Amino acid sequence: MDNSFNILQETKEGIIFCARLVPNSSFNKIAGYTNEYVRIKISAPAVENKANKEFISFCSELFDVNKSKISIVSGEKSKVKKVLIKNAAIEDITQKLMFVLDSIHKD
């Protein structure tokens, strides 16, 4: 990842991950990315916090961390969200994300 990427930000609490959700999709998957966020299709609808819960589960699998270590820090009611992955190392999260992003195209 070059320095123009803002998808991941290191903080003292952990790593902030920026994503743009597309709810009501056929299945959960990463659909593309920009310098600002990763576009993620989520099968759950954007009602009653279902898409947010599904997004946290997706991030848990993507980054191989427990769901309890992931929380939405901004965008709770927006399509663009920032989640905090607590106590995570930037190198580990970057490596896992880049493995997936290398197989798809940039928007």
PDB file of N, CA and C in Angstrom:
ATOM      1  N   MET A   1       0.839  -1.175   0.000  1.00  0.00           N
ATOM      2  CA  MET A   1       0.000   0.000   0.000  1.00  0.00           C
ATOM      3  C   MET A   1       0.886   1.241   0.000  1.00  0.00           C
ATOM      4  N   ASP A   2       0.606   2.171  -0.859  1.00  0.00           N
ATOM      5  CA  ASP A   2       1.437   3.380  -0.876  1.00  0.00           C
ATOM      6  C   ASP A   2       0.864   4.416   0.090  1.00  0.00           C
ATOM      7  N   ASN A   3       1.561   5.524   0.251  1.00  0.00           N
ATOM      8  CA  ASN A   3       1.166   6.538   1.236  1.00  0.00           C
ATOM      9  C   ASN A   3      -0.095   7.296   0.868  1.00  0.00           C
ATOM     10  N   SER A   4      -0.576   7.162  -0.377  1.00  0.00           N
ATOM     11  CA  SER A   4      -1.791   7.874  -0.767  1.00  0.00           C
ATOM     12  C   SER A   4      -3.042   7.140  -0.275  1.00  0.00           C
ATOM     13  N   PHE A   5      -2.887   5.920   0.215  1.00  0.00           N
ATOM     14  CA  PHE A   5      -4.017   5.164   0.724  1.00  0.00           C
ATOM     15  C   PHE A   5      -4.420   5.665   2.090  1.00  0.00           C
ATOM     16  N   ASN A   6      -5.722   5.815   2.296  1.00  0.00           N
ATOM     17  CA  ASN A   6      -6.265   6.207   3.597  1.00  0.00           C
ATOM     18  C   ASN A   6      -7.169   5.122   4.142  1.00  0.00           C
ATOM     19  N   ILE A   7      -7.118   3.933   3.549  1.00  0.00           N
ATOM     20  CA  ILE A   7      -7.990   2.839   3.946  1.00  0.00           C
ATOM     21  C   ILE A   7      -7.686   2.394   5.375  1.00  0.00           C
ATOM     22  N   LEU A   8      -6.408   2.344   5.722  1.00  0.00           N
ATOM     23  CA  LEU A   8      -5.987   1.938   7.058  1.00  0.00           C
ATOM     24  C   LEU A   8      -5.257   3.083   7.737  1.00  0.00           C
ATOM     25  N   GLN A   9      -5.578   3.305   9.004  1.00  0.00           N
ATOM     26  CA  GLN A   9      -4.895   4.336   9.790  1.00  0.00           C
ATOM     27  C   GLN A   9      -4.531   3.739  11.140  1.00  0.00           C
ATOM     28  N   GLU A  10      -3.287   3.933  11.528  1.00  0.00           N
ATOM     29  CA  GLU A  10      -2.828   3.411  12.815  1.00  0.00           C
ATOM     30  C   GLU A  10      -3.126   4.425  13.918  1.00  0.00           C
ATOM     31  N   THR A  11      -3.692   3.949  15.022  1.00  0.00           N
ATOM     32  CA  THR A  11      -3.946   4.789  16.193  1.00  0.00           C
ATOM     33  C   THR A  11      -3.381   4.070  17.416  1.00  0.00           C
ATOM     34  N   LYS A  12      -3.391   4.723  18.544  1.00  0.00           N
ATOM     35  CA  LYS A  12      -2.871   4.065  19.754  1.00  0.00           C
ATOM     36  C   LYS A  12      -3.796   2.944  20.238  1.00  0.00           C
ATOM     37  N   GLU A  13      -5.086   2.991  19.842  1.00  0.00           N
ATOM     38  CA  GLU A  13      -6.030   1.936  20.230  1.00  0.00           C
ATOM     39  C   GLU A  13      -5.965   0.727  19.306  1.00  0.00           C
ATOM     40  N   GLY A  14      -5.529   0.955  18.062  1.00  0.00           N
ATOM     41  CA  GLY A  14      -5.505  -0.116  17.072  1.00  0.00           C
ATOM     42  C   GLY A  14      -5.505   0.456  15.666  1.00  0.00           C
ATOM     43  N   ILE A  15      -6.150  -0.240  14.756  1.00  0.00           N
ATOM     44  CA  ILE A  15      -6.170   0.154  13.344  1.00  0.00           C
ATOM     45  C   ILE A  15      -7.589   0.563  12.953  1.00  0.00           C
ATOM     46  N   ILE A  16      -7.704   1.707  12.268  1.00  0.00           N
ATOM     47  CA  ILE A  16      -8.978   2.161  11.705  1.00  0.00           C
ATOM     48  C   ILE A  16      -9.025   1.676  10.250  1.00  0.00           C
ATOM     49  N   PHE A  17     -10.124   1.019   9.898  1.00  0.00           N
ATOM     50  CA  PHE A  17     -10.347   0.493   8.555  1.00  0.00           C
ATOM     51  C   PHE A  17     -11.556   1.202   7.966  1.00  0.00           C
ATOM     52  N   CYS A  18     -11.407   1.785   6.765  1.00  0.00           N
ATOM     53  CA  CYS A  18     -12.484   2.539   6.113  1.00  0.00           C
ATOM     54  C   CYS A  18     -13.124   1.691   5.013  1.00  0.00           C
ATOM     55  N   ALA A  19     -14.448   1.638   5.029  1.00  0.00           N
ATOM     56  CA  ALA A  19     -15.169   0.851   4.032  1.00  0.00           C
ATOM     57  C   ALA A  19     -16.454   1.550   3.629  1.00  0.00           C
ATOM     58  N   ARG A  20     -16.903   1.230   2.420  1.00  0.00           N
ATOM     59  CA  ARG A  20     -18.212   1.708   1.940  1.00  0.00           C
ATOM     60  C   ARG A  20     -19.062   0.475   1.693  1.00  0.00           C
ATOM     61  N   LEU A  21     -20.172   0.380   2.412  1.00  0.00           N
ATOM     62  CA  LEU A  21     -21.022  -0.800   2.319  1.00  0.00           C
ATOM     63  C   LEU A  21     -22.051  -0.673   1.210  1.00  0.00           C
ATOM     64  N   VAL A  22     -22.326  -1.805   0.586  1.00  0.00           N
ATOM     65  CA  VAL A  22     -23.421  -1.936  -0.367  1.00  0.00           C
ATOM     66  C   VAL A  22     -24.327  -3.034   0.208  1.00  0.00           C
ATOM     67  N   PRO A  23     -25.367  -2.629   0.979  1.00  0.00           N
ATOM     68  CA  PRO A  23     -26.250  -3.635   1.597  1.00  0.00           C
ATOM     69  C   PRO A  23     -27.164  -4.303   0.576  1.00  0.00           C
ATOM     70  N   ASN A  24     -27.868  -5.351   1.017  1.00  0.00           N
ATOM     71  CA  ASN A  24     -28.823  -6.095   0.186  1.00  0.00           C
ATOM     72  C   ASN A  24     -28.182  -6.736  -1.040  1.00  0.00           C
ATOM     73  N   SER A  25     -26.932  -7.132  -0.943  1.00  0.00           N
ATOM     74  CA  SER A  25     -26.244  -7.789  -2.052  1.00  0.00           C
ATOM     75  C   SER A  25     -26.528  -9.290  -2.015  1.00  0.00           C
ATOM     76  N   SER A  26     -26.163  -9.976  -3.080  1.00  0.00           N
ATOM     77  CA  SER A  26     -26.383 -11.421  -3.155  1.00  0.00           C
ATOM     78  C   SER A  26     -25.580 -12.169  -2.104  1.00  0.00           C
ATOM     79  N   PHE A  27     -24.345 -11.711  -1.888  1.00  0.00           N
ATOM     80  CA  PHE A  27     -23.475 -12.340  -0.899  1.00  0.00           C
ATOM     81  C   PHE A  27     -22.431 -11.339  -0.446  1.00  0.00           C
ATOM     82  N   ASN A  28     -21.706 -11.686   0.596  1.00  0.00           N
ATOM     83  CA  ASN A  28     -20.683 -10.795   1.150  1.00  0.00           C
ATOM     84  C   ASN A  28     -19.385 -10.938   0.367  1.00  0.00           C
ATOM     85  N   LYS A  29     -18.838  -9.791  -0.079  1.00  0.00           N
ATOM     86  CA  LYS A  29     -17.552  -9.827  -0.770  1.00  0.00           C
ATOM     87  C   LYS A  29     -16.991  -8.423  -0.924  1.00  0.00           C
ATOM     88  N   ILE A  30     -15.688  -8.357  -1.125  1.00  0.00           N
ATOM     89  CA  ILE A  30     -15.048  -7.085  -1.460  1.00  0.00           C
ATOM     90  C   ILE A  30     -15.247  -6.867  -2.948  1.00  0.00           C
ATOM     91  N   ALA A  31     -15.782  -5.704  -3.301  1.00  0.00           N
ATOM     92  CA  ALA A  31     -16.153  -5.440  -4.684  1.00  0.00           C
ATOM     93  C   ALA A  31     -15.251  -4.432  -5.371  1.00  0.00           C
ATOM     94  N   GLY A  32     -14.304  -3.841  -4.662  1.00  0.00           N
ATOM     95  CA  GLY A  32     -13.405  -2.859  -5.256  1.00  0.00           C
ATOM     96  C   GLY A  32     -12.843  -1.973  -4.170  1.00  0.00           C
ATOM     97  N   TYR A  33     -12.035  -1.003  -4.592  1.00  0.00           N
ATOM     98  CA  TYR A  33     -11.467  -0.077  -3.610  1.00  0.00           C
ATOM     99  C   TYR A  33     -10.996   1.197  -4.290  1.00  0.00           C
ATOM    100  N   THR A  34     -10.888   2.236  -3.489  1.00  0.00           N
ATOM    101  CA  THR A  34     -10.334   3.519  -3.916  1.00  0.00           C
ATOM    102  C   THR A  34      -9.208   3.832  -2.927  1.00  0.00           C
ATOM    103  N   ASN A  35      -8.639   5.017  -3.017  1.00  0.00           N
ATOM    104  CA  ASN A  35      -7.625   5.427  -2.029  1.00  0.00           C
ATOM    105  C   ASN A  35      -8.256   5.726  -0.678  1.00  0.00           C
ATOM    106  N   GLU A  36      -9.586   5.898  -0.638  1.00  0.00           N
ATOM    107  CA  GLU A  36     -10.279   6.296   0.579  1.00  0.00           C
ATOM    108  C   GLU A  36     -10.931   5.135   1.329  1.00  0.00           C
ATOM    109  N   TYR A  37     -11.419   4.129   0.612  1.00  0.00           N
ATOM    110  CA  TYR A  37     -12.157   3.045   1.263  1.00  0.00           C
ATOM    111  C   TYR A  37     -12.161   1.784   0.396  1.00  0.00           C
ATOM    112  N   VAL A  38     -12.553   0.676   1.041  1.00  0.00           N
ATOM    113  CA  VAL A  38     -12.794  -0.590   0.355  1.00  0.00           C
ATOM    114  C   VAL A  38     -14.306  -0.718   0.202  1.00  0.00           C
ATOM    115  N   ARG A  39     -14.768  -1.057  -1.004  1.00  0.00           N
ATOM    116  CA  ARG A  39     -16.204  -1.233  -1.242  1.00  0.00           C
ATOM    117  C   ARG A  39     -16.551  -2.690  -0.934  1.00  0.00           C
ATOM    118  N   ILE A  40     -17.480  -2.878   0.000  1.00  0.00           N
ATOM    119  CA  ILE A  40     -17.839  -4.214   0.453  1.00  0.00           C
ATOM    120  C   ILE A  40     -19.335  -4.438   0.267  1.00  0.00           C
ATOM    121  N   LYS A  41     -19.664  -5.517  -0.441  1.00  0.00           N
ATOM    122  CA  LYS A  41     -21.060  -5.914  -0.604  1.00  0.00           C
ATOM    123  C   LYS A  41     -21.440  -6.791   0.579  1.00  0.00           C
ATOM    124  N   ILE A  42     -22.565  -6.455   1.198  1.00  0.00           N
ATOM    125  CA  ILE A  42     -23.068  -7.163   2.368  1.00  0.00           C
ATOM    126  C   ILE A  42     -24.482  -7.664   2.049  1.00  0.00           C
ATOM    127  N   SER A  43     -24.759  -8.913   2.378  1.00  0.00           N
ATOM    128  CA  SER A  43     -26.071  -9.485   2.051  1.00  0.00           C
ATOM    129  C   SER A  43     -27.193  -8.968   2.942  1.00  0.00           C
ATOM    130  N   ALA A  44     -26.870  -8.525   4.137  1.00  0.00           N
ATOM    131  CA  ALA A  44     -27.892  -8.048   5.072  1.00  0.00           C
ATOM    132  C   ALA A  44     -28.456  -6.692   4.639  1.00  0.00           C
ATOM    133  N   PRO A  45     -29.723  -6.439   4.963  1.00  0.00           N
ATOM    134  CA  PRO A  45     -30.312  -5.131   4.649  1.00  0.00           C
ATOM    135  C   PRO A  45     -29.853  -4.069   5.645  1.00  0.00           C
ATOM    136  N   ALA A  46     -29.970  -2.825   5.240  1.00  0.00           N
ATOM    137  CA  ALA A  46     -29.567  -1.698   6.096  1.00  0.00           C
ATOM    138  C   ALA A  46     -30.718  -1.286   7.010  1.00  0.00           C
ATOM    139  N   VAL A  47     -31.275  -2.237   7.729  1.00  0.00           N
ATOM    140  CA  VAL A  47     -32.341  -1.971   8.693  1.00  0.00           C
ATOM    141  C   VAL A  47     -31.998  -2.645  10.010  1.00  0.00           C
ATOM    142  N   GLU A  48     -32.403  -2.014  11.104  1.00  0.00           N
ATOM    143  CA  GLU A  48     -32.227  -2.568  12.439  1.00  0.00           C
ATOM    144  C   GLU A  48     -30.791  -3.023  12.714  1.00  0.00           C
ATOM    145  N   ASN A  49     -29.824  -2.292  12.178  1.00  0.00           N
ATOM    146  CA  ASN A  49     -28.409  -2.550  12.436  1.00  0.00           C
ATOM    147  C   ASN A  49     -27.897  -3.876  11.850  1.00  0.00           C
ATOM    148  N   LYS A  50     -28.684  -4.518  10.987  1.00  0.00           N
ATOM    149  CA  LYS A  50     -28.304  -5.824  10.437  1.00  0.00           C
ATOM    150  C   LYS A  50     -27.066  -5.732   9.551  1.00  0.00           C
ATOM    151  N   ALA A  51     -26.990  -4.718   8.686  1.00  0.00           N
ATOM    152  CA  ALA A  51     -25.821  -4.579   7.807  1.00  0.00           C
ATOM    153  C   ALA A  51     -24.561  -4.306   8.626  1.00  0.00           C
ATOM    154  N   ASN A  52     -24.679  -3.501   9.675  1.00  0.00           N
ATOM    155  CA  ASN A  52     -23.518  -3.214  10.532  1.00  0.00           C
ATOM    156  C   ASN A  52     -23.008  -4.484  11.204  1.00  0.00           C
ATOM    157  N   LYS A  53     -23.916  -5.305  11.723  1.00  0.00           N
ATOM    158  CA  LYS A  53     -23.521  -6.557  12.382  1.00  0.00           C
ATOM    159  C   LYS A  53     -22.863  -7.496  11.383  1.00  0.00           C
ATOM    160  N   GLU A  54     -23.421  -7.579  10.187  1.00  0.00           N
ATOM    161  CA  GLU A  54     -22.848  -8.436   9.141  1.00  0.00           C
ATOM    162  C   GLU A  54     -21.477  -7.920   8.716  1.00  0.00           C
ATOM    163  N   PHE A  55     -21.332  -6.606   8.651  1.00  0.00           N
ATOM    164  CA  PHE A  55     -20.046  -5.984   8.299  1.00  0.00           C
ATOM    165  C   PHE A  55     -18.980  -6.317   9.346  1.00  0.00           C
ATOM    166  N   ILE A  56     -19.346  -6.253  10.619  1.00  0.00           N
ATOM    167  CA  ILE A  56     -18.391  -6.590  11.680  1.00  0.00           C
ATOM    168  C   ILE A  56     -17.980  -8.069  11.570  1.00  0.00           C
ATOM    169  N   SER A  57     -18.927  -8.932  11.287  1.00  0.00           N
ATOM    170  CA  SER A  57     -18.612 -10.353  11.088  1.00  0.00           C
ATOM    171  C   SER A  57     -17.676 -10.545   9.895  1.00  0.00           C
ATOM    172  N   PHE A  58     -17.958  -9.809   8.816  1.00  0.00           N
ATOM    173  CA  PHE A  58     -17.116  -9.887   7.619  1.00  0.00           C
ATOM    174  C   PHE A  58     -15.686  -9.446   7.943  1.00  0.00           C
ATOM    175  N   CYS A  59     -15.551  -8.331   8.659  1.00  0.00           N
ATOM    176  CA  CYS A  59     -14.218  -7.835   9.040  1.00  0.00           C
ATOM    177  C   CYS A  59     -13.503  -8.830   9.950  1.00  0.00           C
ATOM    178  N   SER A  60     -14.246  -9.469  10.831  1.00  0.00           N
ATOM    179  CA  SER A  60     -13.676 -10.464  11.728  1.00  0.00           C
ATOM    180  C   SER A  60     -13.032 -11.600  10.929  1.00  0.00           C
ATOM    181  N   GLU A  61     -13.737 -12.068   9.908  1.00  0.00           N
ATOM    182  CA  GLU A  61     -13.190 -13.132   9.060  1.00  0.00           C
ATOM    183  C   GLU A  61     -12.038 -12.620   8.199  1.00  0.00           C
ATOM    184  N   LEU A  62     -12.213 -11.461   7.610  1.00  0.00           N
ATOM    185  CA  LEU A  62     -11.195 -10.889   6.729  1.00  0.00           C
ATOM    186  C   LEU A  62      -9.857 -10.715   7.435  1.00  0.00           C
ATOM    187  N   PHE A  63      -9.907 -10.167   8.639  1.00  0.00           N
ATOM    188  CA  PHE A  63      -8.675  -9.859   9.369  1.00  0.00           C
ATOM    189  C   PHE A  63      -8.304 -10.914  10.408  1.00  0.00           C
ATOM    190  N   ASP A  64      -9.125 -11.970  10.511  1.00  0.00           N
ATOM    191  CA  ASP A  64      -8.868 -13.070  11.430  1.00  0.00           C
ATOM    192  C   ASP A  64      -8.703 -12.573  12.871  1.00  0.00           C
ATOM    193  N   VAL A  65      -9.684 -11.770  13.307  1.00  0.00           N
ATOM    194  CA  VAL A  65      -9.711 -11.275  14.688  1.00  0.00           C
ATOM    195  C   VAL A  65     -11.100 -11.528  15.270  1.00  0.00           C
ATOM    196  N   ASN A  66     -11.180 -11.587  16.567  1.00  0.00           N
ATOM    197  CA  ASN A  66     -12.445 -11.803  17.257  1.00  0.00           C
ATOM    198  C   ASN A  66     -13.369 -10.599  17.038  1.00  0.00           C
ATOM    199  N   LYS A  67     -14.665 -10.863  16.854  1.00  0.00           N
ATOM    200  CA  LYS A  67     -15.644  -9.780  16.639  1.00  0.00           C
ATOM    201  C   LYS A  67     -15.644  -8.771  17.782  1.00  0.00           C
ATOM    202  N   SER A  68     -15.316  -9.220  18.979  1.00  0.00           N
ATOM    203  CA  SER A  68     -15.318  -8.314  20.131  1.00  0.00           C
ATOM    204  C   SER A  68     -14.218  -7.252  20.030  1.00  0.00           C
ATOM    205  N   LYS A  69     -13.244  -7.451  19.155  1.00  0.00           N
ATOM    206  CA  LYS A  69     -12.156  -6.480  18.969  1.00  0.00           C
ATOM    207  C   LYS A  69     -12.470  -5.461  17.870  1.00  0.00           C
ATOM    208  N   ILE A  70     -13.655  -5.566  17.267  1.00  0.00           N
ATOM    209  CA  ILE A  70     -14.026  -4.682  16.160  1.00  0.00           C
ATOM    210  C   ILE A  70     -15.234  -3.845  16.558  1.00  0.00           C
ATOM    211  N   SER A  71     -15.130  -2.531  16.370  1.00  0.00           N
ATOM    212  CA  SER A  71     -16.268  -1.655  16.652  1.00  0.00           C
ATOM    213  C   SER A  71     -16.342  -0.538  15.619  1.00  0.00           C
ATOM    214  N   ILE A  72     -17.558  -0.142  15.293  1.00  0.00           N
ATOM    215  CA  ILE A  72     -17.764   0.955  14.348  1.00  0.00           C
ATOM    216  C   ILE A  72     -17.542   2.261  15.107  1.00  0.00           C
ATOM    217  N   VAL A  73     -16.601   3.076  14.618  1.00  0.00           N
ATOM    218  CA  VAL A  73     -16.289   4.336  15.296  1.00  0.00           C
ATOM    219  C   VAL A  73     -16.894   5.544  14.581  1.00  0.00           C
ATOM    220  N   SER A  74     -17.261   5.388  13.302  1.00  0.00           N
ATOM    221  CA  SER A  74     -18.009   6.449  12.617  1.00  0.00           C
ATOM    222  C   SER A  74     -18.768   5.846  11.444  1.00  0.00           C
ATOM    223  N   GLY A  75     -19.894   6.476  11.107  1.00  0.00           N
ATOM    224  CA  GLY A  75     -20.702   6.015   9.995  1.00  0.00           C
ATOM    225  C   GLY A  75     -21.726   4.964  10.364  1.00  0.00           C
ATOM    226  N   GLU A  76     -22.110   4.928  11.620  1.00  0.00           N
ATOM    227  CA  GLU A  76     -23.088   3.936  12.087  1.00  0.00           C
ATOM    228  C   GLU A  76     -24.340   3.921  11.200  1.00  0.00           C
ATOM    229  N   LYS A  77     -24.772   5.102  10.747  1.00  0.00           N
ATOM    230  CA  LYS A  77     -25.979   5.195   9.915  1.00  0.00           C
ATOM    231  C   LYS A  77     -25.659   5.653   8.498  1.00  0.00           C
ATOM    232  N   SER A  78     -24.412   5.495   8.101  1.00  0.00           N
ATOM    233  CA  SER A  78     -23.959   5.907   6.776  1.00  0.00           C
ATOM    234  C   SER A  78     -23.426   4.687   6.027  1.00  0.00           C
ATOM    235  N   LYS A  79     -23.327   4.789   4.711  1.00  0.00           N
ATOM    236  CA  LYS A  79     -22.728   3.698   3.936  1.00  0.00           C
ATOM    237  C   LYS A  79     -21.216   3.662   4.124  1.00  0.00           C
ATOM    238  N   VAL A  80     -20.604   4.829   4.333  1.00  0.00           N
ATOM    239  CA  VAL A  80     -19.155   4.884   4.561  1.00  0.00           C
ATOM    240  C   VAL A  80     -18.915   4.762   6.061  1.00  0.00           C
ATOM    241  N   LYS A  81     -18.148   3.745   6.429  1.00  0.00           N
ATOM    242  CA  LYS A  81     -17.937   3.432   7.847  1.00  0.00           C
ATOM    243  C   LYS A  81     -16.454   3.336   8.156  1.00  0.00           C
ATOM    244  N   LYS A  82     -16.147   3.607   9.408  1.00  0.00           N
ATOM    245  CA  LYS A  82     -14.801   3.386   9.922  1.00  0.00           C
ATOM    246  C   LYS A  82     -14.935   2.464  11.115  1.00  0.00           C
ATOM    247  N   VAL A  83     -14.156   1.378  11.083  1.00  0.00           N
ATOM    248  CA  VAL A  83     -14.157   0.471  12.221  1.00  0.00           C
ATOM    249  C   VAL A  83     -12.780   0.479  12.861  1.00  0.00           C
ATOM    250  N   LEU A  84     -12.782   0.283  14.154  1.00  0.00           N
ATOM    251  CA  LEU A  84     -11.549   0.157  14.916  1.00  0.00           C
ATOM    252  C   LEU A  84     -11.313  -1.321  15.174  1.00  0.00           C
ATOM    253  N   ILE A  85     -10.118  -1.778  14.783  1.00  0.00           N
ATOM    254  CA  ILE A  85      -9.689  -3.135  15.087  1.00  0.00           C
ATOM    255  C   ILE A  85      -8.712  -2.985  16.244  1.00  0.00           C
ATOM    256  N   LYS A  86      -9.186  -3.291  17.458  1.00  0.00           N
ATOM    257  CA  LYS A  86      -8.422  -3.022  18.679  1.00  0.00           C
ATOM    258  C   LYS A  86      -7.193  -3.906  18.795  1.00  0.00           C
ATOM    259  N   ASN A  87      -6.118  -3.282  19.276  1.00  0.00           N
ATOM    260  CA  ASN A  87      -4.867  -3.977  19.581  1.00  0.00           C
ATOM    261  C   ASN A  87      -4.291  -4.752  18.400  1.00  0.00           C
ATOM    262  N   ALA A  88      -4.533  -4.266  17.189  1.00  0.00           N
ATOM    263  CA  ALA A  88      -4.027  -4.943  15.991  1.00  0.00           C
ATOM    264  C   ALA A  88      -2.743  -4.270  15.522  1.00  0.00           C
ATOM    265  N   ALA A  89      -1.882  -5.054  14.892  1.00  0.00           N
ATOM    266  CA  ALA A  89      -0.643  -4.525  14.314  1.00  0.00           C
ATOM    267  C   ALA A  89      -0.905  -4.116  12.875  1.00  0.00           C
ATOM    268  N   ILE A  90      -0.442  -2.939  12.494  1.00  0.00           N
ATOM    269  CA  ILE A  90      -0.659  -2.428  11.133  1.00  0.00           C
ATOM    270  C   ILE A  90      -0.106  -3.390  10.086  1.00  0.00           C
ATOM    271  N   GLU A  91       1.016  -4.019  10.377  1.00  0.00           N
ATOM    272  CA  GLU A  91       1.630  -4.944   9.415  1.00  0.00           C
ATOM    273  C   GLU A  91       0.707  -6.128   9.141  1.00  0.00           C
ATOM    274  N   ASP A  92       0.100  -6.695  10.190  1.00  0.00           N
ATOM    275  CA  ASP A  92      -0.785  -7.852  10.021  1.00  0.00           C
ATOM    276  C   ASP A  92      -2.033  -7.489   9.229  1.00  0.00           C
ATOM    277  N   ILE A  93      -2.656  -6.381   9.592  1.00  0.00           N
ATOM    278  CA  ILE A  93      -3.891  -5.963   8.920  1.00  0.00           C
ATOM    279  C   ILE A  93      -3.603  -5.600   7.463  1.00  0.00           C
ATOM    280  N   THR A  94      -2.511  -4.887   7.220  1.00  0.00           N
ATOM    281  CA  THR A  94      -2.134  -4.514   5.850  1.00  0.00           C
ATOM    282  C   THR A  94      -1.912  -5.758   5.005  1.00  0.00           C
ATOM    283  N   GLN A  95      -1.188  -6.711   5.537  1.00  0.00           N
ATOM    284  CA  GLN A  95      -0.886  -7.931   4.792  1.00  0.00           C
ATOM    285  C   GLN A  95      -2.162  -8.679   4.412  1.00  0.00           C
ATOM    286  N   LYS A  96      -3.082  -8.826   5.353  1.00  0.00           N
ATOM    287  CA  LYS A  96      -4.327  -9.544   5.086  1.00  0.00           C
ATOM    288  C   LYS A  96      -5.185  -8.805   4.069  1.00  0.00           C
ATOM    289  N   LEU A  97      -5.240  -7.477   4.191  1.00  0.00           N
ATOM    290  CA  LEU A  97      -6.033  -6.683   3.256  1.00  0.00           C
ATOM    291  C   LEU A  97      -5.424  -6.709   1.858  1.00  0.00           C
ATOM    292  N   MET A  98      -4.119  -6.536   1.767  1.00  0.00           N
ATOM    293  CA  MET A  98      -3.456  -6.511   0.455  1.00  0.00           C
ATOM    294  C   MET A  98      -3.577  -7.852  -0.255  1.00  0.00           C
ATOM    295  N   PHE A  99      -3.580  -8.952   0.490  1.00  0.00           N
ATOM    296  CA  PHE A  99      -3.748 -10.274  -0.115  1.00  0.00           C
ATOM    297  C   PHE A  99      -5.062 -10.327  -0.884  1.00  0.00           C
ATOM    298  N   VAL A 100      -6.121  -9.766  -0.305  1.00  0.00           N
ATOM    299  CA  VAL A 100      -7.432  -9.764  -0.949  1.00  0.00           C
ATOM    300  C   VAL A 100      -7.487  -8.723  -2.067  1.00  0.00           C
ATOM    301  N   LEU A 101      -6.982  -7.520  -1.804  1.00  0.00           N
ATOM    302  CA  LEU A 101      -7.085  -6.435  -2.800  1.00  0.00           C
ATOM    303  C   LEU A 101      -6.258  -6.709  -4.045  1.00  0.00           C
ATOM    304  N   ASP A 102      -5.174  -7.454  -3.911  1.00  0.00           N
ATOM    305  CA  ASP A 102      -4.348  -7.773  -5.079  1.00  0.00           C
ATOM    306  C   ASP A 102      -5.108  -8.578  -6.127  1.00  0.00           C
ATOM    307  N   SER A 103      -6.166  -9.267  -5.709  1.00  0.00           N
ATOM    308  CA  SER A 103      -6.913 -10.116  -6.645  1.00  0.00           C
ATOM    309  C   SER A 103      -8.084  -9.386  -7.310  1.00  0.00           C
ATOM    310  N   ILE A 104      -8.328  -8.138  -6.931  1.00  0.00           N
ATOM    311  CA  ILE A 104      -9.424  -7.383  -7.536  1.00  0.00           C
ATOM    312  C   ILE A 104      -8.896  -6.079  -8.126  1.00  0.00           C
ATOM    313  N   HIS A 105      -9.742  -5.384  -8.854  1.00  0.00           N
ATOM    314  CA  HIS A 105      -9.316  -4.133  -9.485  1.00  0.00           C
ATOM    315  C   HIS A 105      -9.670  -2.936  -8.617  1.00  0.00           C
ATOM    316  N   LYS A 106      -8.930  -1.874  -8.829  1.00  0.00           N
ATOM    317  CA  LYS A 106      -9.201  -0.615  -8.142  1.00  0.00           C
ATOM    318  C   LYS A 106     -10.295   0.134  -8.893  1.00  0.00           C
ATOM    319  N   ASP A 107     -11.254   0.724  -8.160  1.00  0.00           N
ATOM    320  CA  ASP A 107     -12.346   1.497  -8.781  1.00  0.00           C
ATOM    321  C   ASP A 107     -11.830   2.785  -9.378  1.00  0.00           C
TER     322      ASP A 107
END
